[in-house]
Structures are given as structure tokens and as C-alpha cells.
Amino acid sequence: MDWSWLTPYVYVAIGVLVTFLVAHIVRKTIREVLPKYMTKEIYQPLELLIYYSILFFGIISSLSPLNIDLSGLLVAGGVLGIAVGFASRTVFSNFLSGIFLYIDKPLRIGDAVRVEGVVEGVVREINIFSTRIMSWDGHIVRIPNEKLFSSPIVNFSMMPVRRISINVGVSYSSDLEKAKKALIKLAESHPFVLVNPPPEVLVQEYGDSAIILNFRCWAPTSEWFSTKVWLLARIKEALDEVGVEIPFPQRVVWLRQS
């Protein structure tokens, strides 16, 4: 009996078997290697994309010994791919942006950030398609990674220290040197204000009702907010002790007499 007709099917079976074997090896390698460099949210979609792409193209190639005309299938697949491509353009863009965000690392979970024009708060979750930030009001804001990647991001937690900057208005009749020394002494009395760089007070501008002093000092990022709140609560008391007035807005009116 002539068994030669079975030969193409044997080749197809071997091709499909090899395809599944290669796909399994690649998938196993991805699961062993990528978790060392990426989070689960990043490598899992990438793993599925590579795995099913190998299966699709491998099985299509394995059918060639049967002399099946795959041109119609490829054309239909191409048309379907174009349609799906247009429909999923945003999804794919978010996917790529998520990978680029992971590589660039402009933010991490727990960082205090400001996404210009979108939201300011603490990063709660970073996925392959979107990032969730909890605003200072306690709202969870979901930002597509495409928008996040193209927006200016200010990361308040990236550096170990941050500068505190407070504007203080003092009256024109005040002794500026006394005011400066009082503010610097106040900063030096706080345990988290850094000695280097040292606190400083500069004249920023001459306003309508007051001379505006810019009071600056540095504190650890983790203690920045509490230190600023502490200083704000005690500035008036420190200036009152040296007789420096913080004026309220006022106008001097001159009446012309005949």
C-alpha cells in the first residue's frame, strides 16, 4: 500500500508540534527572565503577544506542505488586521507608552507627582495601559499612558531633599535685618531643616502694602510637608517677638484742599 499521501500531513504535524514547542520555550524563558526587570503588569501582556504571534505564524507556515492557497486567508487577515489596527490604535499606543514609561521610570508607586494639566497626587498603580493617581482630595484619577507619556511630569519624591519656599510680607517701617534673622533662627530651630544648604531670606519685591521676603530652606522629602506646615504656623510669632509687623493691605488717601 502506498503511504506517500501521508507525508504532507506528517510534515504539517511536525511543523505544528515544533511551533508549540518553540512557543512554549519562549514563553517559559519570558516568565523566567522578564520578572527580574519588569513588573507583572508589563511583562504579562508582552508574553501573551509574543506567544500567540509565534503560534499564528508557525501554524500558517506549517500548512504549506498541503499546498493550501492561503492568499485569501492572508488577505482577509490583512483587512481584518487593518480594521482592528484602526480600532485599537489608542490601545496599542497606550501599550507602547506603558513600556516606555517603565524604561524611563519618571515615576514609581508611592511617588508624589504633578502631571501638568491633569492631576496632582500620589501614584497608586502603574499598569501597561494606564496609571492611577490618587489626588490630594482622595479621588482616583486614571490617566492613559499615552497621555501620561506626552505630558510634563513633576516628581516631588525623586530627590531625597526638597526646598521650602514661603513668601512673607513685612511693613515698610520694619527692620529687614531683624526680620531676616528671626526667620533664619526659626528655621534653624526645626530638627529637619538642613544646615547645608543653609536657610536664607531674600527681598523678592516691593509690594503695594509690604516688602515681600522670600524665606527658603531645605528639608528631607519625606518631612517636607510637615516641616512647611510647622514653619507657616510660627512665622508670625517669630516676627512678633522682634517687633516686625506683617501688614494687611492698605491704601493712603490724600484729599486735596482748595
C-alpha atoms as a PDB file:
ATOM      1  CA  MET A   1       0.000   0.000   0.000  1.00  0.00           C
ATOM      2  CA  ASP A   2       1.231   3.480  -0.918  1.00  0.00           C
ATOM      3  CA  TRP A   3       1.510   5.646   2.190  1.00  0.00           C
ATOM      4  CA  SER A   4       3.137   8.546   0.427  1.00  0.00           C
ATOM      5  CA  TRP A   5      -0.080  10.625   0.690  1.00  0.00           C
ATOM      6  CA  LEU A   6       0.505  10.783   4.442  1.00  0.00           C
ATOM      7  CA  THR A   7       3.875  12.535   4.055  1.00  0.00           C
ATOM      8  CA  PRO A   8       2.489  16.111   3.818  1.00  0.00           C
ATOM      9  CA  TYR A   9       0.341  15.538   6.903  1.00  0.00           C
ATOM     10  CA  VAL A  10       3.357  14.241   8.790  1.00  0.00           C
ATOM     11  CA  TYR A  11       5.237  17.422   7.862  1.00  0.00           C
ATOM     12  CA  VAL A  12       2.277  19.522   8.992  1.00  0.00           C
ATOM     13  CA  ALA A  13       2.082  17.653  12.301  1.00  0.00           C
ATOM     14  CA  ILE A  14       5.829  18.039  12.853  1.00  0.00           C
ATOM     15  CA  GLY A  15       5.600  21.770  11.984  1.00  0.00           C
ATOM     16  CA  VAL A  16       2.695  22.347  14.390  1.00  0.00           C
ATOM     17  CA  LEU A  17       4.491  20.348  17.109  1.00  0.00           C
ATOM     18  CA  VAL A  18       7.686  22.350  16.631  1.00  0.00           C
ATOM     19  CA  THR A  19       5.671  25.588  16.673  1.00  0.00           C
ATOM     20  CA  PHE A  20       4.050  24.712  20.013  1.00  0.00           C
ATOM     21  CA  LEU A  21       7.423  23.613  21.383  1.00  0.00           C
ATOM     22  CA  VAL A  22       9.139  26.866  20.344  1.00  0.00           C
ATOM     23  CA  ALA A  23       6.229  28.949  21.675  1.00  0.00           C
ATOM     24  CA  HIS A  24       6.362  27.088  24.989  1.00  0.00           C
ATOM     25  CA  ILE A  25      10.139  27.541  25.320  1.00  0.00           C
ATOM     26  CA  VAL A  26       9.888  31.265  24.504  1.00  0.00           C
ATOM     27  CA  ARG A  27       7.016  31.704  26.965  1.00  0.00           C
ATOM     28  CA  LYS A  28       8.916  29.889  29.706  1.00  0.00           C
ATOM     29  CA  THR A  29      12.031  31.991  29.035  1.00  0.00           C
ATOM     30  CA  ILE A  30       9.995  35.209  29.231  1.00  0.00           C
ATOM     31  CA  ARG A  31       8.469  34.128  32.551  1.00  0.00           C
ATOM     32  CA  GLU A  32      11.915  33.389  33.980  1.00  0.00           C
ATOM     33  CA  VAL A  33      13.808  36.418  32.658  1.00  0.00           C
ATOM     34  CA  LEU A  34      11.448  39.395  32.399  1.00  0.00           C
ATOM     35  CA  PRO A  35      10.151  39.370  36.021  1.00  0.00           C
ATOM     36  CA  LYS A  36      13.687  40.329  37.072  1.00  0.00           C
ATOM     37  CA  TYR A  37      13.445  43.534  35.072  1.00  0.00           C
ATOM     38  CA  MET A  38       9.714  44.280  34.734  1.00  0.00           C
ATOM     39  CA  THR A  39       6.601  44.222  36.851  1.00  0.00           C
ATOM     40  CA  LYS A  40       3.857  41.665  36.273  1.00  0.00           C
ATOM     41  CA  GLU A  41       1.619  44.264  34.629  1.00  0.00           C
ATOM     42  CA  ILE A  42       4.296  44.944  31.996  1.00  0.00           C
ATOM     43  CA  TYR A  43       5.623  41.516  31.024  1.00  0.00           C
ATOM     44  CA  GLN A  44       2.354  39.526  31.014  1.00  0.00           C
ATOM     45  CA  PRO A  45       0.745  41.326  28.031  1.00  0.00           C
ATOM     46  CA  LEU A  46       4.101  41.209  26.236  1.00  0.00           C
ATOM     47  CA  GLU A  47       4.353  37.473  26.925  1.00  0.00           C
ATOM     48  CA  LEU A  48       0.872  36.789  25.510  1.00  0.00           C
ATOM     49  CA  LEU A  49       1.533  38.900  22.406  1.00  0.00           C
ATOM     50  CA  ILE A  50       4.770  37.041  21.596  1.00  0.00           C
ATOM     51  CA  TYR A  51       3.325  33.589  22.440  1.00  0.00           C
ATOM     52  CA  TYR A  52       0.239  33.848  20.218  1.00  0.00           C
ATOM     53  CA  SER A  53       2.175  35.535  17.408  1.00  0.00           C
ATOM     54  CA  ILE A  54       4.549  32.539  17.281  1.00  0.00           C
ATOM     55  CA  LEU A  55       1.584  30.123  17.233  1.00  0.00           C
ATOM     56  CA  PHE A  56      -0.239  32.015  14.486  1.00  0.00           C
ATOM     57  CA  PHE A  57       2.668  32.404  12.083  1.00  0.00           C
ATOM     58  CA  GLY A  58       4.091  28.965  12.913  1.00  0.00           C
ATOM     59  CA  ILE A  59       0.832  27.139  12.212  1.00  0.00           C
ATOM     60  CA  ILE A  60       0.263  29.098   8.984  1.00  0.00           C
ATOM     61  CA  SER A  61       3.769  28.163   7.817  1.00  0.00           C
ATOM     62  CA  SER A  62       3.244  24.513   8.772  1.00  0.00           C
ATOM     63  CA  LEU A  63       0.291  24.219   6.389  1.00  0.00           C
ATOM     64  CA  SER A  64       2.443  24.874   3.305  1.00  0.00           C
ATOM     65  CA  PRO A  65       3.078  21.114   2.545  1.00  0.00           C
ATOM     66  CA  LEU A  66      -0.671  20.693   1.946  1.00  0.00           C
ATOM     67  CA  ASN A  67      -0.497  23.185  -0.937  1.00  0.00           C
ATOM     68  CA  ILE A  68      -3.388  25.123   0.531  1.00  0.00           C
ATOM     69  CA  ASP A  69      -3.903  28.524  -1.052  1.00  0.00           C
ATOM     70  CA  LEU A  70      -3.565  30.841   1.912  1.00  0.00           C
ATOM     71  CA  SER A  71      -3.704  34.040  -0.110  1.00  0.00           C
ATOM     72  CA  GLY A  72      -7.405  34.528   0.619  1.00  0.00           C
ATOM     73  CA  LEU A  73      -6.830  33.921   4.311  1.00  0.00           C
ATOM     74  CA  LEU A  74      -3.895  36.300   4.352  1.00  0.00           C
ATOM     75  CA  VAL A  75      -5.865  38.988   2.506  1.00  0.00           C
ATOM     76  CA  ALA A  76      -8.812  38.573   4.848  1.00  0.00           C
ATOM     77  CA  GLY A  77      -6.440  38.616   7.792  1.00  0.00           C
ATOM     78  CA  GLY A  78      -4.784  41.715   6.417  1.00  0.00           C
ATOM     79  CA  VAL A  79      -8.100  43.549   6.019  1.00  0.00           C
ATOM     80  CA  LEU A  80      -9.190  42.426   9.468  1.00  0.00           C
ATOM     81  CA  GLY A  81      -5.810  43.465  10.844  1.00  0.00           C
ATOM     82  CA  ILE A  82      -6.158  46.943   9.344  1.00  0.00           C
ATOM     83  CA  ALA A  83      -9.659  47.326  10.780  1.00  0.00           C
ATOM     84  CA  VAL A  84      -8.590  46.107  14.186  1.00  0.00           C
ATOM     85  CA  GLY A  85      -5.468  48.264  13.933  1.00  0.00           C
ATOM     86  CA  PHE A  86      -7.507  51.427  13.477  1.00  0.00           C
ATOM     87  CA  ALA A  87      -9.867  50.408  16.262  1.00  0.00           C
ATOM     88  CA  SER A  88      -7.087  49.516  18.649  1.00  0.00           C
ATOM     89  CA  ARG A  89      -4.652  52.307  17.752  1.00  0.00           C
ATOM     90  CA  THR A  90      -5.172  54.013  21.088  1.00  0.00           C
ATOM     91  CA  VAL A  91      -4.829  50.721  22.969  1.00  0.00           C
ATOM     92  CA  PHE A  92      -1.571  49.907  21.196  1.00  0.00           C
ATOM     93  CA  SER A  93      -0.294  53.445  21.746  1.00  0.00           C
ATOM     94  CA  ASN A  94      -1.051  53.128  25.464  1.00  0.00           C
ATOM     95  CA  PHE A  95       0.697  49.755  25.486  1.00  0.00           C
ATOM     96  CA  LEU A  96       3.880  51.150  23.916  1.00  0.00           C
ATOM     97  CA  SER A  97       3.755  54.227  26.151  1.00  0.00           C
ATOM     98  CA  GLY A  98       3.488  51.931  29.177  1.00  0.00           C
ATOM     99  CA  ILE A  99       6.662  50.111  28.109  1.00  0.00           C
ATOM    100  CA  PHE A 100       8.494  53.408  27.527  1.00  0.00           C
ATOM    101  CA  LEU A 101       7.330  54.701  30.912  1.00  0.00           C
ATOM    102  CA  TYR A 102       8.706  51.557  32.532  1.00  0.00           C
ATOM    103  CA  ILE A 103      12.061  52.016  30.767  1.00  0.00           C
ATOM    104  CA  ASP A 104      12.273  55.744  31.510  1.00  0.00           C
ATOM    105  CA  LYS A 105      10.883  55.432  35.078  1.00  0.00           C
ATOM    106  CA  PRO A 106       9.710  59.054  35.568  1.00  0.00           C
ATOM    107  CA  LEU A 107       7.510  57.891  38.437  1.00  0.00           C
ATOM    108  CA  ARG A 108       7.046  54.977  40.808  1.00  0.00           C
ATOM    109  CA  ILE A 109       4.244  53.707  43.021  1.00  0.00           C
ATOM    110  CA  GLY A 110       4.065  55.920  46.116  1.00  0.00           C
ATOM    111  CA  ASP A 111       5.651  58.978  44.459  1.00  0.00           C
ATOM    112  CA  ALA A 112       4.043  62.390  44.898  1.00  0.00           C
ATOM    113  CA  VAL A 113       3.737  63.811  41.393  1.00  0.00           C
ATOM    114  CA  ARG A 114       2.114  66.528  39.336  1.00  0.00           C
ATOM    115  CA  VAL A 115       1.034  65.723  35.789  1.00  0.00           C
ATOM    116  CA  GLU A 116       0.750  69.122  34.133  1.00  0.00           C
ATOM    117  CA  GLY A 117      -2.824  69.977  33.244  1.00  0.00           C
ATOM    118  CA  VAL A 118      -4.198  66.680  34.586  1.00  0.00           C
ATOM    119  CA  VAL A 119      -3.775  65.936  38.288  1.00  0.00           C
ATOM    120  CA  GLU A 120      -1.501  66.220  41.301  1.00  0.00           C
ATOM    121  CA  GLY A 121      -1.263  63.487  43.945  1.00  0.00           C
ATOM    122  CA  VAL A 122       0.274  60.120  44.833  1.00  0.00           C
ATOM    123  CA  VAL A 123       0.850  57.296  42.316  1.00  0.00           C
ATOM    124  CA  ARG A 124      -1.199  54.264  43.350  1.00  0.00           C
ATOM    125  CA  GLU A 125      -0.950  51.898  40.382  1.00  0.00           C
ATOM    126  CA  ILE A 126       1.029  51.625  37.148  1.00  0.00           C
ATOM    127  CA  ASN A 127      -0.365  49.236  34.527  1.00  0.00           C
ATOM    128  CA  ILE A 128       0.612  48.519  30.947  1.00  0.00           C
ATOM    129  CA  PHE A 129      -2.254  50.658  29.584  1.00  0.00           C
ATOM    130  CA  SER A 130      -2.901  53.271  32.264  1.00  0.00           C
ATOM    131  CA  THR A 131      -1.689  54.786  35.528  1.00  0.00           C
ATOM    132  CA  ARG A 132      -3.824  55.616  38.555  1.00  0.00           C
ATOM    133  CA  ILE A 133      -3.045  58.606  40.756  1.00  0.00           C
ATOM    134  CA  MET A 134      -4.839  59.494  43.978  1.00  0.00           C
ATOM    135  CA  SER A 135      -5.315  63.264  44.125  1.00  0.00           C
ATOM    136  CA  TRP A 136      -4.810  65.227  47.335  1.00  0.00           C
ATOM    137  CA  ASP A 137      -8.625  65.249  47.672  1.00  0.00           C
ATOM    138  CA  GLY A 138      -8.709  61.449  47.740  1.00  0.00           C
ATOM    139  CA  HIS A 139     -10.025  60.913  44.193  1.00  0.00           C
ATOM    140  CA  ILE A 140      -8.540  58.181  41.997  1.00  0.00           C
ATOM    141  CA  VAL A 141      -7.683  59.562  38.554  1.00  0.00           C
ATOM    142  CA  ARG A 142      -6.977  57.100  35.733  1.00  0.00           C
ATOM    143  CA  ILE A 143      -4.592  58.502  33.116  1.00  0.00           C
ATOM    144  CA  PRO A 144      -3.991  56.657  29.802  1.00  0.00           C
ATOM    145  CA  ASN A 145      -0.271  56.002  29.448  1.00  0.00           C
ATOM    146  CA  GLU A 146      -0.214  57.721  26.044  1.00  0.00           C
ATOM    147  CA  LYS A 147      -1.360  60.994  27.657  1.00  0.00           C
ATOM    148  CA  LEU A 148       0.917  60.493  30.658  1.00  0.00           C
ATOM    149  CA  PHE A 149       3.973  59.852  28.490  1.00  0.00           C
ATOM    150  CA  SER A 150       3.413  63.034  26.465  1.00  0.00           C
ATOM    151  CA  SER A 151       2.720  65.263  29.495  1.00  0.00           C
ATOM    152  CA  PRO A 152       5.274  67.111  31.646  1.00  0.00           C
ATOM    153  CA  ILE A 153       5.656  65.193  34.921  1.00  0.00           C
ATOM    154  CA  VAL A 154       6.927  66.807  38.112  1.00  0.00           C
ATOM    155  CA  ASN A 155       8.088  64.133  40.576  1.00  0.00           C
ATOM    156  CA  PHE A 156       8.290  65.549  44.104  1.00  0.00           C
ATOM    157  CA  SER A 157       9.639  62.278  45.551  1.00  0.00           C
ATOM    158  CA  MET A 158      12.503  61.590  43.159  1.00  0.00           C
ATOM    159  CA  MET A 159      15.129  63.591  45.070  1.00  0.00           C
ATOM    160  CA  PRO A 160      15.987  62.976  48.757  1.00  0.00           C
ATOM    161  CA  VAL A 161      15.550  66.660  49.709  1.00  0.00           C
ATOM    162  CA  ARG A 162      13.201  69.477  48.683  1.00  0.00           C
ATOM    163  CA  ARG A 163      13.267  73.226  49.115  1.00  0.00           C
ATOM    164  CA  ILE A 164      10.633  75.023  51.130  1.00  0.00           C
ATOM    165  CA  SER A 165       9.821  78.480  49.789  1.00  0.00           C
ATOM    166  CA  ILE A 166       7.491  80.854  51.679  1.00  0.00           C
ATOM    167  CA  ASN A 167       6.716  84.481  50.845  1.00  0.00           C
ATOM    168  CA  VAL A 168       6.329  86.734  53.879  1.00  0.00           C
ATOM    169  CA  GLY A 169       5.233  90.357  53.723  1.00  0.00           C
ATOM    170  CA  VAL A 170       6.630  92.843  56.276  1.00  0.00           C
ATOM    171  CA  SER A 171       5.795  96.511  56.679  1.00  0.00           C
ATOM    172  CA  TYR A 172       7.950  99.221  55.102  1.00  0.00           C
ATOM    173  CA  SER A 173       8.780 100.541  58.561  1.00  0.00           C
ATOM    174  CA  SER A 174      10.221  97.182  59.701  1.00  0.00           C
ATOM    175  CA  ASP A 175      13.898  96.439  60.264  1.00  0.00           C
ATOM    176  CA  LEU A 176      14.648  93.978  57.461  1.00  0.00           C
ATOM    177  CA  GLU A 177      17.766  92.585  59.163  1.00  0.00           C
ATOM    178  CA  LYS A 178      15.745  91.735  62.272  1.00  0.00           C
ATOM    179  CA  ALA A 179      13.117  90.053  60.122  1.00  0.00           C
ATOM    180  CA  LYS A 180      15.715  88.006  58.234  1.00  0.00           C
ATOM    181  CA  LYS A 181      17.498  86.892  61.404  1.00  0.00           C
ATOM    182  CA  ALA A 182      14.210  85.938  63.072  1.00  0.00           C
ATOM    183  CA  LEU A 183      13.162  83.757  60.129  1.00  0.00           C
ATOM    184  CA  ILE A 184      16.558  82.081  59.848  1.00  0.00           C
ATOM    185  CA  LYS A 185      16.572  81.410  63.612  1.00  0.00           C
ATOM    186  CA  LEU A 186      13.103  79.864  63.285  1.00  0.00           C
ATOM    187  CA  ALA A 187      14.286  77.552  60.508  1.00  0.00           C
ATOM    188  CA  GLU A 188      17.399  76.530  62.433  1.00  0.00           C
ATOM    189  CA  SER A 189      15.258  75.559  65.420  1.00  0.00           C
ATOM    190  CA  HIS A 190      13.482  72.835  63.437  1.00  0.00           C
ATOM    191  CA  PRO A 191      15.242  69.434  63.561  1.00  0.00           C
ATOM    192  CA  PHE A 192      14.516  68.556  59.920  1.00  0.00           C
ATOM    193  CA  VAL A 193      15.684  71.812  58.309  1.00  0.00           C
ATOM    194  CA  LEU A 194      19.058  71.153  56.691  1.00  0.00           C
ATOM    195  CA  VAL A 195      22.178  73.024  57.758  1.00  0.00           C
ATOM    196  CA  ASN A 196      23.638  72.713  54.254  1.00  0.00           C
ATOM    197  CA  PRO A 197      22.323  74.364  52.169  1.00  0.00           C
ATOM    198  CA  PRO A 198      21.620  76.891  54.929  1.00  0.00           C
ATOM    199  CA  PRO A 199      18.298  78.741  55.304  1.00  0.00           C
ATOM    200  CA  GLU A 200      18.168  82.119  53.586  1.00  0.00           C
ATOM    201  CA  VAL A 201      15.868  85.127  53.311  1.00  0.00           C
ATOM    202  CA  LEU A 202      15.853  87.361  50.228  1.00  0.00           C
ATOM    203  CA  VAL A 203      13.940  90.500  49.341  1.00  0.00           C
ATOM    204  CA  GLN A 204      11.703  89.398  46.489  1.00  0.00           C
ATOM    205  CA  GLU A 205       9.731  92.531  45.680  1.00  0.00           C
ATOM    206  CA  TYR A 206       8.330  95.802  46.963  1.00  0.00           C
ATOM    207  CA  GLY A 207       4.576  95.372  47.027  1.00  0.00           C
ATOM    208  CA  ASP A 208       1.796  97.916  47.411  1.00  0.00           C
ATOM    209  CA  SER A 209       1.462  97.371  51.156  1.00  0.00           C
ATOM    210  CA  ALA A 210       4.521  95.339  52.167  1.00  0.00           C
ATOM    211  CA  ILE A 211       8.065  94.323  51.378  1.00  0.00           C
ATOM    212  CA  ILE A 212       7.873  90.687  50.246  1.00  0.00           C
ATOM    213  CA  LEU A 213      10.579  88.445  51.686  1.00  0.00           C
ATOM    214  CA  ASN A 214      11.254  85.021  50.216  1.00  0.00           C
ATOM    215  CA  PHE A 215      12.022  82.614  53.075  1.00  0.00           C
ATOM    216  CA  ARG A 216      13.864  79.486  51.856  1.00  0.00           C
ATOM    217  CA  CYS A 217      15.208  76.351  53.481  1.00  0.00           C
ATOM    218  CA  TRP A 218      15.681  72.673  52.653  1.00  0.00           C
ATOM    219  CA  ALA A 219      14.212  69.569  54.300  1.00  0.00           C
ATOM    220  CA  PRO A 220      14.114  65.794  53.616  1.00  0.00           C
ATOM    221  CA  THR A 221      11.449  64.965  51.049  1.00  0.00           C
ATOM    222  CA  SER A 222       9.651  62.653  53.478  1.00  0.00           C
ATOM    223  CA  GLU A 223       9.362  65.513  56.010  1.00  0.00           C
ATOM    224  CA  TRP A 224       8.833  68.387  53.573  1.00  0.00           C
ATOM    225  CA  PHE A 225       5.119  68.909  54.100  1.00  0.00           C
ATOM    226  CA  SER A 226       5.129  68.657  57.907  1.00  0.00           C
ATOM    227  CA  THR A 227       8.146  70.981  58.122  1.00  0.00           C
ATOM    228  CA  LYS A 228       6.497  73.597  55.900  1.00  0.00           C
ATOM    229  CA  VAL A 229       3.277  73.463  57.930  1.00  0.00           C
ATOM    230  CA  TRP A 230       5.281  73.885  61.163  1.00  0.00           C
ATOM    231  CA  LEU A 231       7.132  76.924  59.805  1.00  0.00           C
ATOM    232  CA  LEU A 232       3.980  78.561  58.468  1.00  0.00           C
ATOM    233  CA  ALA A 233       2.304  78.252  61.859  1.00  0.00           C
ATOM    234  CA  ARG A 234       5.189  80.001  63.659  1.00  0.00           C
ATOM    235  CA  ILE A 235       6.348  82.730  61.287  1.00  0.00           C
ATOM    236  CA  LYS A 236       4.063  85.426  62.708  1.00  0.00           C
ATOM    237  CA  GLU A 237       5.032  84.559  66.266  1.00  0.00           C
ATOM    238  CA  ALA A 238       8.755  84.740  65.404  1.00  0.00           C
ATOM    239  CA  LEU A 239       8.344  88.154  63.756  1.00  0.00           C
ATOM    240  CA  ASP A 240       6.177  89.491  66.578  1.00  0.00           C
ATOM    241  CA  GLU A 241       8.949  88.685  69.063  1.00  0.00           C
ATOM    242  CA  VAL A 242      11.356  91.061  67.286  1.00  0.00           C
ATOM    243  CA  GLY A 243       8.752  93.752  66.616  1.00  0.00           C
ATOM    244  CA  VAL A 244       8.338  93.131  62.885  1.00  0.00           C
ATOM    245  CA  GLU A 245       4.829  93.733  61.595  1.00  0.00           C
ATOM    246  CA  ILE A 246       3.084  91.669  58.936  1.00  0.00           C
ATOM    247  CA  PRO A 247       0.797  94.319  57.416  1.00  0.00           C
ATOM    248  CA  PHE A 248      -2.635  93.908  55.900  1.00  0.00           C
ATOM    249  CA  PRO A 249      -3.441  95.530  52.531  1.00  0.00           C
ATOM    250  CA  GLN A 250      -3.937  99.264  52.987  1.00  0.00           C
ATOM    251  CA  ARG A 251      -4.175 102.493  50.993  1.00  0.00           C
ATOM    252  CA  VAL A 252      -3.196 106.025  51.862  1.00  0.00           C
ATOM    253  CA  VAL A 253      -5.735 108.547  50.558  1.00  0.00           C
ATOM    254  CA  TRP A 254      -4.775 112.212  50.159  1.00  0.00           C
ATOM    255  CA  LEU A 255      -7.597 114.740  49.962  1.00  0.00           C
ATOM    256  CA  ARG A 256      -6.773 117.870  48.025  1.00  0.00           C
ATOM    257  CA  GLN A 257      -7.898 121.068  49.746  1.00  0.00           C
ATOM    258  CA  SER A 258      -8.542 124.331  47.958  1.00  0.00           C
END
